[in-house]
C-alpha cells in the first residue's frame, strides 16, 4: 500500500515539476538569448582565427552572457509589471508576472539568483582579466537592472538603444577576445559594432510593435519620441553600416578576406526590413514574426563573419 501511494504521489509530482520548469524557461525568453550569444560567438571565432583561443575563458564568457541576459529578462518582467507597462492589450509574448503565473517576489528572487550565478561564473575571468573584466561584468549587471528598473530606467527614457549597441556589440565582442588573449585591438571593437547595430534592430522592431501601448503607458522609447518613420530609417541605417563593417576591416587589412562571407546576411536583413515596412501600425501584432527574423539576421551575420575570420588561416 505504501509503495502504491508513493508511486501515485510521484506520478502527480513529475508533471507539476515539468510544468514549473516550462514556466521558468518561458520567463527566460529563450528566443531573446541569441542577442547575448551572437557577439560572444563572434569574439570566440576571432580568437580562433588569431590563434589565441582559450577554451575555458570562451565557455565562461558565453555562460556569463547567457546568465546576465536571463536575469535581465526576469527583472524586466517584474519591473514592467510594477510600472504598469504590461497591459491587457499587450501585443508581444505574455509576461508571467502580469498574468499572475509567477509572483513578483518569486521573480525578484530568480533575478537575484541568476545574477549571482553570472558573477560566480565570471570569477575566473575577473581573476584572469583583472580590472577591465571586473568593470565590464558589473557594468553589464547594472545595465540589466537599469534597463527597465528604477525611476529613471533606460527603456522608459528612450536611451536603451545606445546601451544595447554597446553591451551587445563592441563590449561583448572585445571583452570575449580580451579574456582569451588579454588584448583587444581596435579591429575587434570595430567588428563588434556590427552585431551591436543588428541587436538594436531587434529592439526597434519590439518598440515599433508596442509604440501605441508604450505611449499610453508613459514608456518613452525612441520610437515613441521620434515616430515610426524614424524607427524604419534607423533600422535601415543599422543594416547598411553593419554590412559595411567587414568590408572596411578587410580593406584596411585589419581582418582577413574571409569576413566578406557575412555579406549575404545583408540581403536577409533587407528582405526583413521590407516586410516590416509593409506592415501598417494598425496591424502591429504582425511584427512578432519579424522580431524573430531580425534576431536570425544577427545570428547569421555573426556566424558568417566569425567563420570567415576563423577559417581563413586554414584556406589561405
C-alpha atoms as a PDB file:
ATOM      1  CA  UNK A   1       0.000   0.000   0.000  1.00  0.00           C
ATOM      2  CA  UNK A   2       2.740   2.417   0.940  1.00  0.00           C
ATOM      3  CA  UNK A   3       4.551   1.612  -2.286  1.00  0.00           C
ATOM      4  CA  UNK A   4       1.398   2.263  -4.261  1.00  0.00           C
ATOM      5  CA  UNK A   5       0.818   5.598  -2.545  1.00  0.00           C
ATOM      6  CA  UNK A   6       4.408   6.650  -3.230  1.00  0.00           C
ATOM      7  CA  UNK A   7       4.033   5.784  -6.900  1.00  0.00           C
ATOM      8  CA  UNK A   8       0.812   7.766  -7.041  1.00  0.00           C
ATOM      9  CA  UNK A   9       2.414  10.820  -5.467  1.00  0.00           C
ATOM     10  CA  UNK A  10       5.398  10.636  -7.850  1.00  0.00           C
ATOM     11  CA  UNK A  11       3.115  10.382 -10.871  1.00  0.00           C
ATOM     12  CA  UNK A  12       1.411  13.565  -9.801  1.00  0.00           C
ATOM     13  CA  UNK A  13       4.635  15.379  -8.964  1.00  0.00           C
ATOM     14  CA  UNK A  14       6.510  14.821 -12.248  1.00  0.00           C
ATOM     15  CA  UNK A  15       4.082  16.786 -14.454  1.00  0.00           C
ATOM     16  CA  UNK A  16       3.994  19.547 -11.850  1.00  0.00           C
ATOM     17  CA  UNK A  17       7.787  19.816 -11.909  1.00  0.00           C
ATOM     18  CA  UNK A  18       7.816  19.755 -15.707  1.00  0.00           C
ATOM     19  CA  UNK A  19       5.148  22.457 -15.755  1.00  0.00           C
ATOM     20  CA  UNK A  20       7.089  24.700 -13.405  1.00  0.00           C
ATOM     21  CA  UNK A  21      10.275  24.204 -15.424  1.00  0.00           C
ATOM     22  CA  UNK A  22       8.433  25.114 -18.618  1.00  0.00           C
ATOM     23  CA  UNK A  23       7.144  28.287 -16.974  1.00  0.00           C
ATOM     24  CA  UNK A  24      10.626  29.399 -15.936  1.00  0.00           C
ATOM     25  CA  UNK A  25      12.010  28.574 -19.377  1.00  0.00           C
ATOM     26  CA  UNK A  26       9.284  30.771 -20.859  1.00  0.00           C
ATOM     27  CA  UNK A  27      10.144  33.533 -18.382  1.00  0.00           C
ATOM     28  CA  UNK A  28      13.778  33.364 -19.515  1.00  0.00           C
ATOM     29  CA  UNK A  29      12.558  34.187 -23.065  1.00  0.00           C
ATOM     30  CA  UNK A  30      14.809  31.740 -24.949  1.00  0.00           C
ATOM     31  CA  UNK A  31      14.262  33.454 -28.306  1.00  0.00           C
ATOM     32  CA  UNK A  32      15.966  36.613 -26.986  1.00  0.00           C
ATOM     33  CA  UNK A  33      19.092  34.780 -25.893  1.00  0.00           C
ATOM     34  CA  UNK A  34      20.608  34.838 -29.384  1.00  0.00           C
ATOM     35  CA  UNK A  35      21.244  38.527 -28.794  1.00  0.00           C
ATOM     36  CA  UNK A  36      23.612  37.579 -25.967  1.00  0.00           C
ATOM     37  CA  UNK A  37      25.098  34.538 -27.703  1.00  0.00           C
ATOM     38  CA  UNK A  38      25.846  36.018 -31.140  1.00  0.00           C
ATOM     39  CA  UNK A  39      28.506  38.631 -30.233  1.00  0.00           C
ATOM     40  CA  UNK A  40      30.245  36.188 -27.895  1.00  0.00           C
ATOM     41  CA  UNK A  41      30.400  33.589 -30.662  1.00  0.00           C
ATOM     42  CA  UNK A  42      31.914  36.235 -32.922  1.00  0.00           C
ATOM     43  CA  UNK A  43      34.533  37.055 -30.273  1.00  0.00           C
ATOM     44  CA  UNK A  44      35.351  33.363 -29.887  1.00  0.00           C
ATOM     45  CA  UNK A  45      35.691  32.959 -33.676  1.00  0.00           C
ATOM     46  CA  UNK A  46      38.055  35.936 -33.881  1.00  0.00           C
ATOM     47  CA  UNK A  47      40.184  34.403 -31.139  1.00  0.00           C
ATOM     48  CA  UNK A  48      40.285  31.102 -33.060  1.00  0.00           C
ATOM     49  CA  UNK A  49      41.316  32.887 -36.255  1.00  0.00           C
ATOM     50  CA  UNK A  50      44.043  34.795 -34.458  1.00  0.00           C
ATOM     51  CA  UNK A  51      45.364  31.657 -32.773  1.00  0.00           C
ATOM     52  CA  UNK A  52      44.575  32.811 -29.226  1.00  0.00           C
ATOM     53  CA  UNK A  53      41.542  30.634 -28.466  1.00  0.00           C
ATOM     54  CA  UNK A  54      41.270  29.813 -24.742  1.00  0.00           C
ATOM     55  CA  UNK A  55      38.507  27.198 -24.298  1.00  0.00           C
ATOM     56  CA  UNK A  56      37.735  27.719 -20.590  1.00  0.00           C
ATOM     57  CA  UNK A  57      37.600  31.501 -20.898  1.00  0.00           C
ATOM     58  CA  UNK A  58      35.421  31.252 -24.005  1.00  0.00           C
ATOM     59  CA  UNK A  59      32.988  28.886 -22.287  1.00  0.00           C
ATOM     60  CA  UNK A  60      32.739  31.061 -19.179  1.00  0.00           C
ATOM     61  CA  UNK A  61      32.237  34.203 -21.268  1.00  0.00           C
ATOM     62  CA  UNK A  62      29.347  32.526 -23.075  1.00  0.00           C
ATOM     63  CA  UNK A  63      27.861  31.246 -19.804  1.00  0.00           C
ATOM     64  CA  UNK A  64      28.096  34.650 -18.147  1.00  0.00           C
ATOM     65  CA  UNK A  65      26.493  36.407 -21.119  1.00  0.00           C
ATOM     66  CA  UNK A  66      23.571  33.971 -21.123  1.00  0.00           C
ATOM     67  CA  UNK A  67      23.007  34.248 -17.368  1.00  0.00           C
ATOM     68  CA  UNK A  68      23.058  38.047 -17.446  1.00  0.00           C
ATOM     69  CA  UNK A  69      20.542  38.065 -20.303  1.00  0.00           C
ATOM     70  CA  UNK A  70      18.226  35.628 -18.495  1.00  0.00           C
ATOM     71  CA  UNK A  71      18.464  37.644 -15.273  1.00  0.00           C
ATOM     72  CA  UNK A  72      17.705  40.830 -17.203  1.00  0.00           C
ATOM     73  CA  UNK A  73      14.643  39.184 -18.758  1.00  0.00           C
ATOM     74  CA  UNK A  74      13.430  38.114 -15.307  1.00  0.00           C
ATOM     75  CA  UNK A  75      13.947  41.629 -13.978  1.00  0.00           C
ATOM     76  CA  UNK A  76      12.178  43.233 -16.948  1.00  0.00           C
ATOM     77  CA  UNK A  77       9.157  41.006 -16.379  1.00  0.00           C
ATOM     78  CA  UNK A  78       8.625  42.166 -12.819  1.00  0.00           C
ATOM     79  CA  UNK A  79       9.748  45.786 -13.389  1.00  0.00           C
ATOM     80  CA  UNK A  80       7.365  46.370 -16.315  1.00  0.00           C
ATOM     81  CA  UNK A  81       4.547  44.860 -14.251  1.00  0.00           C
ATOM     82  CA  UNK A  82       5.253  47.221 -11.360  1.00  0.00           C
ATOM     83  CA  UNK A  83       5.353  50.197 -13.734  1.00  0.00           C
ATOM     84  CA  UNK A  84       2.051  49.192 -15.340  1.00  0.00           C
ATOM     85  CA  UNK A  85       3.545  48.732 -18.801  1.00  0.00           C
ATOM     86  CA  UNK A  86       2.288  45.164 -19.250  1.00  0.00           C
ATOM     87  CA  UNK A  87      -1.347  45.808 -20.112  1.00  0.00           C
ATOM     88  CA  UNK A  88      -4.144  43.504 -21.207  1.00  0.00           C
ATOM     89  CA  UNK A  89      -3.741  44.703 -24.810  1.00  0.00           C
ATOM     90  CA  UNK A  90      -0.067  43.678 -24.920  1.00  0.00           C
ATOM     91  CA  UNK A  91       0.908  42.537 -28.433  1.00  0.00           C
ATOM     92  CA  UNK A  92       4.111  40.679 -27.596  1.00  0.00           C
ATOM     93  CA  UNK A  93       4.732  37.389 -25.776  1.00  0.00           C
ATOM     94  CA  UNK A  94       2.952  37.126 -22.456  1.00  0.00           C
ATOM     95  CA  UNK A  95       4.560  38.412 -19.278  1.00  0.00           C
ATOM     96  CA  UNK A  96       4.252  35.894 -16.479  1.00  0.00           C
ATOM     97  CA  UNK A  97       4.176  38.267 -13.514  1.00  0.00           C
ATOM     98  CA  UNK A  98       1.477  40.400 -15.121  1.00  0.00           C
ATOM     99  CA  UNK A  99      -0.616  37.295 -15.770  1.00  0.00           C
ATOM    100  CA  UNK A 100      -0.200  36.034 -12.216  1.00  0.00           C
ATOM    101  CA  UNK A 101       1.691  32.910 -13.250  1.00  0.00           C
ATOM    102  CA  UNK A 102       4.780  33.898 -11.232  1.00  0.00           C
ATOM    103  CA  UNK A 103       4.625  36.163  -8.198  1.00  0.00           C
ATOM    104  CA  UNK A 104       6.677  39.379  -8.132  1.00  0.00           C
ATOM    105  CA  UNK A 105       8.543  38.070  -5.080  1.00  0.00           C
ATOM    106  CA  UNK A 106       9.499  34.825  -6.831  1.00  0.00           C
ATOM    107  CA  UNK A 107      10.622  36.692  -9.944  1.00  0.00           C
ATOM    108  CA  UNK A 108      12.787  39.058  -7.919  1.00  0.00           C
ATOM    109  CA  UNK A 109      14.393  36.099  -6.159  1.00  0.00           C
ATOM    110  CA  UNK A 110      15.070  34.428  -9.506  1.00  0.00           C
ATOM    111  CA  UNK A 111      16.632  37.659 -10.777  1.00  0.00           C
ATOM    112  CA  UNK A 112      18.998  37.894  -7.813  1.00  0.00           C
ATOM    113  CA  UNK A 113      19.931  34.211  -8.015  1.00  0.00           C
ATOM    114  CA  UNK A 114      20.648  34.335 -11.754  1.00  0.00           C
ATOM    115  CA  UNK A 115      22.758  37.495 -11.469  1.00  0.00           C
ATOM    116  CA  UNK A 116      24.644  35.816  -8.608  1.00  0.00           C
ATOM    117  CA  UNK A 117      25.325  32.788 -10.806  1.00  0.00           C
ATOM    118  CA  UNK A 118      26.592  35.152 -13.517  1.00  0.00           C
ATOM    119  CA  UNK A 119      29.044  36.699 -11.056  1.00  0.00           C
ATOM    120  CA  UNK A 120      30.131  33.239  -9.911  1.00  0.00           C
ATOM    121  CA  UNK A 121      30.738  32.112 -13.483  1.00  0.00           C
ATOM    122  CA  UNK A 122      32.845  35.209 -14.045  1.00  0.00           C
ATOM    123  CA  UNK A 123      35.186  34.860 -11.063  1.00  0.00           C
ATOM    124  CA  UNK A 124      37.857  33.070 -13.075  1.00  0.00           C
ATOM    125  CA  UNK A 125      37.559  35.637 -15.876  1.00  0.00           C
ATOM    126  CA  UNK A 126      37.865  38.518 -13.426  1.00  0.00           C
ATOM    127  CA  UNK A 127      40.997  36.978 -11.927  1.00  0.00           C
ATOM    128  CA  UNK A 128      42.426  36.318 -15.377  1.00  0.00           C
ATOM    129  CA  UNK A 129      41.440  39.618 -16.973  1.00  0.00           C
ATOM    130  CA  UNK A 130      41.702  41.925 -13.986  1.00  0.00           C
ATOM    131  CA  UNK A 131      40.081  45.329 -13.667  1.00  0.00           C
ATOM    132  CA  UNK A 132      38.742  45.600 -17.261  1.00  0.00           C
ATOM    133  CA  UNK A 133      36.696  42.394 -16.897  1.00  0.00           C
ATOM    134  CA  UNK A 134      35.508  43.319 -13.413  1.00  0.00           C
ATOM    135  CA  UNK A 135      34.316  46.654 -14.806  1.00  0.00           C
ATOM    136  CA  UNK A 136      32.591  45.040 -17.812  1.00  0.00           C
ATOM    137  CA  UNK A 137      30.909  42.403 -15.662  1.00  0.00           C
ATOM    138  CA  UNK A 138      29.445  44.744 -13.108  1.00  0.00           C
ATOM    139  CA  UNK A 139      28.543  47.378 -15.721  1.00  0.00           C
ATOM    140  CA  UNK A 140      26.628  44.660 -17.603  1.00  0.00           C
ATOM    141  CA  UNK A 141      24.686  43.772 -14.465  1.00  0.00           C
ATOM    142  CA  UNK A 142      23.925  47.435 -13.750  1.00  0.00           C
ATOM    143  CA  UNK A 143      22.711  47.828 -17.338  1.00  0.00           C
ATOM    144  CA  UNK A 144      20.484  44.785 -16.927  1.00  0.00           C
ATOM    145  CA  UNK A 145      18.937  46.255 -13.782  1.00  0.00           C
ATOM    146  CA  UNK A 146      18.626  49.778 -15.171  1.00  0.00           C
ATOM    147  CA  UNK A 147      17.051  48.680 -18.449  1.00  0.00           C
ATOM    148  CA  UNK A 148      13.527  48.782 -17.034  1.00  0.00           C
ATOM    149  CA  UNK A 149      14.159  49.133 -13.299  1.00  0.00           C
ATOM    150  CA  UNK A 150      14.299  52.246 -11.189  1.00  0.00           C
ATOM    151  CA  UNK A 151      12.799  55.679 -11.528  1.00  0.00           C
ATOM    152  CA  UNK A 152      14.995  56.603 -14.495  1.00  0.00           C
ATOM    153  CA  UNK A 153      15.075  53.293 -16.372  1.00  0.00           C
ATOM    154  CA  UNK A 154      16.834  53.336 -19.726  1.00  0.00           C
ATOM    155  CA  UNK A 155      13.925  51.887 -21.704  1.00  0.00           C
ATOM    156  CA  UNK A 156      11.464  54.428 -20.325  1.00  0.00           C
ATOM    157  CA  UNK A 157      13.814  57.341 -21.075  1.00  0.00           C
ATOM    158  CA  UNK A 158      14.357  56.237 -24.675  1.00  0.00           C
ATOM    159  CA  UNK A 159      18.119  55.738 -24.393  1.00  0.00           C
ATOM    160  CA  UNK A 160      18.240  51.943 -24.059  1.00  0.00           C
ATOM    161  CA  UNK A 161      19.163  51.601 -27.754  1.00  0.00           C
ATOM    162  CA  UNK A 162      22.592  53.126 -27.183  1.00  0.00           C
ATOM    163  CA  UNK A 163      23.344  50.797 -24.279  1.00  0.00           C
ATOM    164  CA  UNK A 164      22.099  47.775 -26.240  1.00  0.00           C
ATOM    165  CA  UNK A 165      24.514  48.706 -29.027  1.00  0.00           C
ATOM    166  CA  UNK A 166      27.450  48.996 -26.623  1.00  0.00           C
ATOM    167  CA  UNK A 167      26.880  45.939 -24.442  1.00  0.00           C
ATOM    168  CA  UNK A 168      25.653  43.574 -27.160  1.00  0.00           C
ATOM    169  CA  UNK A 169      28.196  44.824 -29.655  1.00  0.00           C
ATOM    170  CA  UNK A 170      31.722  46.208 -29.135  1.00  0.00           C
ATOM    171  CA  UNK A 171      31.908  45.447 -25.408  1.00  0.00           C
ATOM    172  CA  UNK A 172      30.703  41.844 -25.818  1.00  0.00           C
ATOM    173  CA  UNK A 173      33.000  41.058 -28.754  1.00  0.00           C
ATOM    174  CA  UNK A 174      36.077  42.866 -27.435  1.00  0.00           C
ATOM    175  CA  UNK A 175      35.512  41.508 -23.926  1.00  0.00           C
ATOM    176  CA  UNK A 176      35.302  37.944 -25.238  1.00  0.00           C
ATOM    177  CA  UNK A 177      38.557  38.384 -27.150  1.00  0.00           C
ATOM    178  CA  UNK A 178      40.209  40.017 -24.130  1.00  0.00           C
ATOM    179  CA  UNK A 179      39.505  37.171 -21.700  1.00  0.00           C
ATOM    180  CA  UNK A 180      41.259  34.836 -24.148  1.00  0.00           C
ATOM    181  CA  UNK A 181      44.158  36.954 -25.407  1.00  0.00           C
ATOM    182  CA  UNK A 182      44.354  39.678 -22.720  1.00  0.00           C
ATOM    183  CA  UNK A 183      44.457  42.261 -25.521  1.00  0.00           C
ATOM    184  CA  UNK A 184      41.689  43.954 -27.507  1.00  0.00           C
ATOM    185  CA  UNK A 185      42.954  45.666 -30.647  1.00  0.00           C
ATOM    186  CA  UNK A 186      40.837  48.328 -32.297  1.00  0.00           C
ATOM    187  CA  UNK A 187      39.736  45.911 -35.036  1.00  0.00           C
ATOM    188  CA  UNK A 188      37.756  43.744 -32.595  1.00  0.00           C
ATOM    189  CA  UNK A 189      35.905  46.800 -31.278  1.00  0.00           C
ATOM    190  CA  UNK A 190      35.004  47.778 -34.842  1.00  0.00           C
ATOM    191  CA  UNK A 191      33.956  44.206 -35.639  1.00  0.00           C
ATOM    192  CA  UNK A 192      31.730  44.287 -32.554  1.00  0.00           C
ATOM    193  CA  UNK A 193      29.848  47.317 -33.832  1.00  0.00           C
ATOM    194  CA  UNK A 194      28.079  45.156 -36.455  1.00  0.00           C
ATOM    195  CA  UNK A 195      26.286  42.795 -34.041  1.00  0.00           C
ATOM    196  CA  UNK A 196      25.608  45.800 -31.815  1.00  0.00           C
ATOM    197  CA  UNK A 197      23.756  47.597 -34.609  1.00  0.00           C
ATOM    198  CA  UNK A 198      21.824  44.475 -35.589  1.00  0.00           C
ATOM    199  CA  UNK A 199      20.872  43.897 -31.965  1.00  0.00           C
ATOM    200  CA  UNK A 200      19.485  47.427 -31.801  1.00  0.00           C
ATOM    201  CA  UNK A 201      17.254  46.424 -34.710  1.00  0.00           C
ATOM    202  CA  UNK A 202      15.675  43.733 -32.524  1.00  0.00           C
ATOM    203  CA  UNK A 203      14.787  46.420 -30.004  1.00  0.00           C
ATOM    204  CA  UNK A 204      13.474  48.686 -32.766  1.00  0.00           C
ATOM    205  CA  UNK A 205      11.049  46.032 -34.027  1.00  0.00           C
ATOM    206  CA  UNK A 206       9.849  45.430 -30.489  1.00  0.00           C
ATOM    207  CA  UNK A 207       9.287  49.149 -29.961  1.00  0.00           C
ATOM    208  CA  UNK A 208       7.634  49.637 -33.356  1.00  0.00           C
ATOM    209  CA  UNK A 209       5.147  46.938 -32.416  1.00  0.00           C
ATOM    210  CA  UNK A 210       4.458  48.447 -28.977  1.00  0.00           C
ATOM    211  CA  UNK A 211       4.513  52.151 -29.919  1.00  0.00           C
ATOM    212  CA  UNK A 212       0.849  52.869 -29.147  1.00  0.00           C
ATOM    213  CA  UNK A 213       0.831  50.900 -25.883  1.00  0.00           C
ATOM    214  CA  UNK A 214       4.153  52.418 -24.792  1.00  0.00           C
ATOM    215  CA  UNK A 215       2.845  55.918 -25.492  1.00  0.00           C
ATOM    216  CA  UNK A 216      -0.196  55.312 -23.315  1.00  0.00           C
ATOM    217  CA  UNK A 217       1.930  53.747 -20.555  1.00  0.00           C
ATOM    218  CA  UNK A 218       4.460  56.591 -20.469  1.00  0.00           C
ATOM    219  CA  UNK A 219       7.289  54.450 -21.822  1.00  0.00           C
ATOM    220  CA  UNK A 220       9.143  56.983 -23.961  1.00  0.00           C
ATOM    221  CA  UNK A 221      11.180  54.786 -26.282  1.00  0.00           C
ATOM    222  CA  UNK A 222      12.960  56.310 -29.261  1.00  0.00           C
ATOM    223  CA  UNK A 223      10.025  55.200 -31.428  1.00  0.00           C
ATOM    224  CA  UNK A 224       7.557  56.945 -29.118  1.00  0.00           C
ATOM    225  CA  UNK A 225       9.675  60.103 -29.116  1.00  0.00           C
ATOM    226  CA  UNK A 226      10.606  60.233 -32.809  1.00  0.00           C
ATOM    227  CA  UNK A 227       7.971  58.169 -34.588  1.00  0.00           C
ATOM    228  CA  UNK A 228       7.569  55.116 -36.780  1.00  0.00           C
ATOM    229  CA  UNK A 229       9.291  56.642 -39.819  1.00  0.00           C
ATOM    230  CA  UNK A 230      12.391  57.322 -37.749  1.00  0.00           C
ATOM    231  CA  UNK A 231      12.366  53.740 -36.498  1.00  0.00           C
ATOM    232  CA  UNK A 232      12.224  52.330 -40.014  1.00  0.00           C
ATOM    233  CA  UNK A 233      15.016  54.641 -41.149  1.00  0.00           C
ATOM    234  CA  UNK A 234      17.167  53.763 -38.134  1.00  0.00           C
ATOM    235  CA  UNK A 235      16.656  50.047 -38.835  1.00  0.00           C
ATOM    236  CA  UNK A 236      17.795  50.508 -42.451  1.00  0.00           C
ATOM    237  CA  UNK A 237      20.792  52.624 -41.376  1.00  0.00           C
ATOM    238  CA  UNK A 238      21.915  49.865 -38.999  1.00  0.00           C
ATOM    239  CA  UNK A 239      21.722  47.271 -41.782  1.00  0.00           C
ATOM    240  CA  UNK A 240      23.849  49.382 -44.134  1.00  0.00           C
ATOM    241  CA  UNK A 241      26.540  50.216 -41.574  1.00  0.00           C
ATOM    242  CA  UNK A 242      26.702  46.662 -40.195  1.00  0.00           C
ATOM    243  CA  UNK A 243      27.152  45.349 -43.737  1.00  0.00           C
ATOM    244  CA  UNK A 244      29.961  47.810 -44.466  1.00  0.00           C
ATOM    245  CA  UNK A 245      31.971  46.972 -41.346  1.00  0.00           C
ATOM    246  CA  UNK A 246      33.504  43.696 -42.636  1.00  0.00           C
ATOM    247  CA  UNK A 247      34.314  45.410 -45.941  1.00  0.00           C
ATOM    248  CA  UNK A 248      36.086  48.276 -44.173  1.00  0.00           C
ATOM    249  CA  UNK A 249      38.027  45.905 -41.907  1.00  0.00           C
ATOM    250  CA  UNK A 250      39.144  43.905 -44.941  1.00  0.00           C
ATOM    251  CA  UNK A 251      40.136  46.982 -46.957  1.00  0.00           C
ATOM    252  CA  UNK A 252      42.121  48.309 -44.005  1.00  0.00           C
ATOM    253  CA  UNK A 253      43.849  44.910 -43.663  1.00  0.00           C
ATOM    254  CA  UNK A 254      42.536  44.596 -40.119  1.00  0.00           C
ATOM    255  CA  UNK A 255      40.604  41.418 -40.918  1.00  0.00           C
ATOM    256  CA  UNK A 256      41.059  38.529 -43.377  1.00  0.00           C
ATOM    257  CA  UNK A 257      39.091  38.434 -46.649  1.00  0.00           C
ATOM    258  CA  UNK A 258      37.018  35.632 -45.171  1.00  0.00           C
ATOM    259  CA  UNK A 259      34.900  38.174 -43.254  1.00  0.00           C
ATOM    260  CA  UNK A 260      33.234  39.065 -46.561  1.00  0.00           C
ATOM    261  CA  UNK A 261      31.393  35.769 -46.164  1.00  0.00           C
ATOM    262  CA  UNK A 262      28.982  37.732 -43.967  1.00  0.00           C
ATOM    263  CA  UNK A 263      27.719  39.919 -46.819  1.00  0.00           C
ATOM    264  CA  UNK A 264      24.776  37.667 -47.798  1.00  0.00           C
ATOM    265  CA  UNK A 265      23.292  38.449 -44.373  1.00  0.00           C
ATOM    266  CA  UNK A 266      22.624  41.948 -45.728  1.00  0.00           C
ATOM    267  CA  UNK A 267      20.168  40.503 -48.247  1.00  0.00           C
ATOM    268  CA  UNK A 268      18.363  38.651 -45.480  1.00  0.00           C
ATOM    269  CA  UNK A 269      18.256  41.861 -43.445  1.00  0.00           C
ATOM    270  CA  UNK A 270      16.869  43.920 -46.324  1.00  0.00           C
ATOM    271  CA  UNK A 271      14.133  41.369 -47.002  1.00  0.00           C
ATOM    272  CA  UNK A 272      13.139  41.605 -43.338  1.00  0.00           C
ATOM    273  CA  UNK A 273      13.127  45.414 -43.488  1.00  0.00           C
ATOM    274  CA  UNK A 274      10.777  45.432 -46.479  1.00  0.00           C
ATOM    275  CA  UNK A 275       8.378  43.098 -44.665  1.00  0.00           C
ATOM    276  CA  UNK A 276       8.430  45.328 -41.578  1.00  0.00           C
ATOM    277  CA  UNK A 277       7.868  48.456 -43.661  1.00  0.00           C
ATOM    278  CA  UNK A 278       4.847  46.884 -45.363  1.00  0.00           C
ATOM    279  CA  UNK A 279       3.013  46.187 -42.081  1.00  0.00           C
ATOM    280  CA  UNK A 280       0.703  49.075 -41.090  1.00  0.00           C
ATOM    281  CA  UNK A 281       0.730  50.239 -37.490  1.00  0.00           C
ATOM    282  CA  UNK A 282      -2.886  49.151 -37.117  1.00  0.00           C
ATOM    283  CA  UNK A 283      -1.689  45.565 -37.560  1.00  0.00           C
ATOM    284  CA  UNK A 284       1.370  45.766 -35.296  1.00  0.00           C
ATOM    285  CA  UNK A 285       0.888  42.256 -33.924  1.00  0.00           C
ATOM    286  CA  UNK A 286       2.113  41.015 -37.323  1.00  0.00           C
ATOM    287  CA  UNK A 287       5.560  42.297 -36.367  1.00  0.00           C
ATOM    288  CA  UNK A 288       6.093  39.421 -33.937  1.00  0.00           C
ATOM    289  CA  UNK A 289       7.483  37.057 -36.623  1.00  0.00           C
ATOM    290  CA  UNK A 290       9.758  39.873 -37.840  1.00  0.00           C
ATOM    291  CA  UNK A 291      11.207  40.119 -34.350  1.00  0.00           C
ATOM    292  CA  UNK A 292      12.439  36.556 -34.743  1.00  0.00           C
ATOM    293  CA  UNK A 293      13.571  37.249 -38.302  1.00  0.00           C
ATOM    294  CA  UNK A 294      15.636  40.215 -37.119  1.00  0.00           C
ATOM    295  CA  UNK A 295      17.254  38.073 -34.430  1.00  0.00           C
ATOM    296  CA  UNK A 296      18.125  35.500 -37.108  1.00  0.00           C
ATOM    297  CA  UNK A 297      19.843  38.215 -39.150  1.00  0.00           C
ATOM    298  CA  UNK A 298      22.033  38.978 -36.132  1.00  0.00           C
ATOM    299  CA  UNK A 299      22.883  35.303 -35.658  1.00  0.00           C
ATOM    300  CA  UNK A 300      23.563  34.646 -39.358  1.00  0.00           C
ATOM    301  CA  UNK A 301      25.780  37.731 -39.680  1.00  0.00           C
ATOM    302  CA  UNK A 302      27.757  36.841 -36.547  1.00  0.00           C
ATOM    303  CA  UNK A 303      28.209  33.208 -37.578  1.00  0.00           C
ATOM    304  CA  UNK A 304      29.280  34.015 -41.142  1.00  0.00           C
ATOM    305  CA  UNK A 305      31.537  36.878 -40.044  1.00  0.00           C
ATOM    306  CA  UNK A 306      33.085  34.686 -37.366  1.00  0.00           C
ATOM    307  CA  UNK A 307      33.503  31.618 -39.578  1.00  0.00           C
ATOM    308  CA  UNK A 308      35.129  33.713 -42.266  1.00  0.00           C
ATOM    309  CA  UNK A 309      37.620  35.090 -39.755  1.00  0.00           C
ATOM    310  CA  UNK A 310      38.266  31.773 -38.017  1.00  0.00           C
ATOM    311  CA  UNK A 311      38.622  29.573 -41.101  1.00  0.00           C
ATOM    312  CA  UNK A 312      40.594  31.904 -43.356  1.00  0.00           C
ATOM    313  CA  UNK A 313      44.015  30.840 -41.952  1.00  0.00           C
ATOM    314  CA  UNK A 314      43.144  27.245 -42.935  1.00  0.00           C
ATOM    315  CA  UNK A 315      42.381  28.078 -46.563  1.00  0.00           C
ATOM    316  CA  UNK A 316      44.738  30.987 -47.200  1.00  0.00           C
END
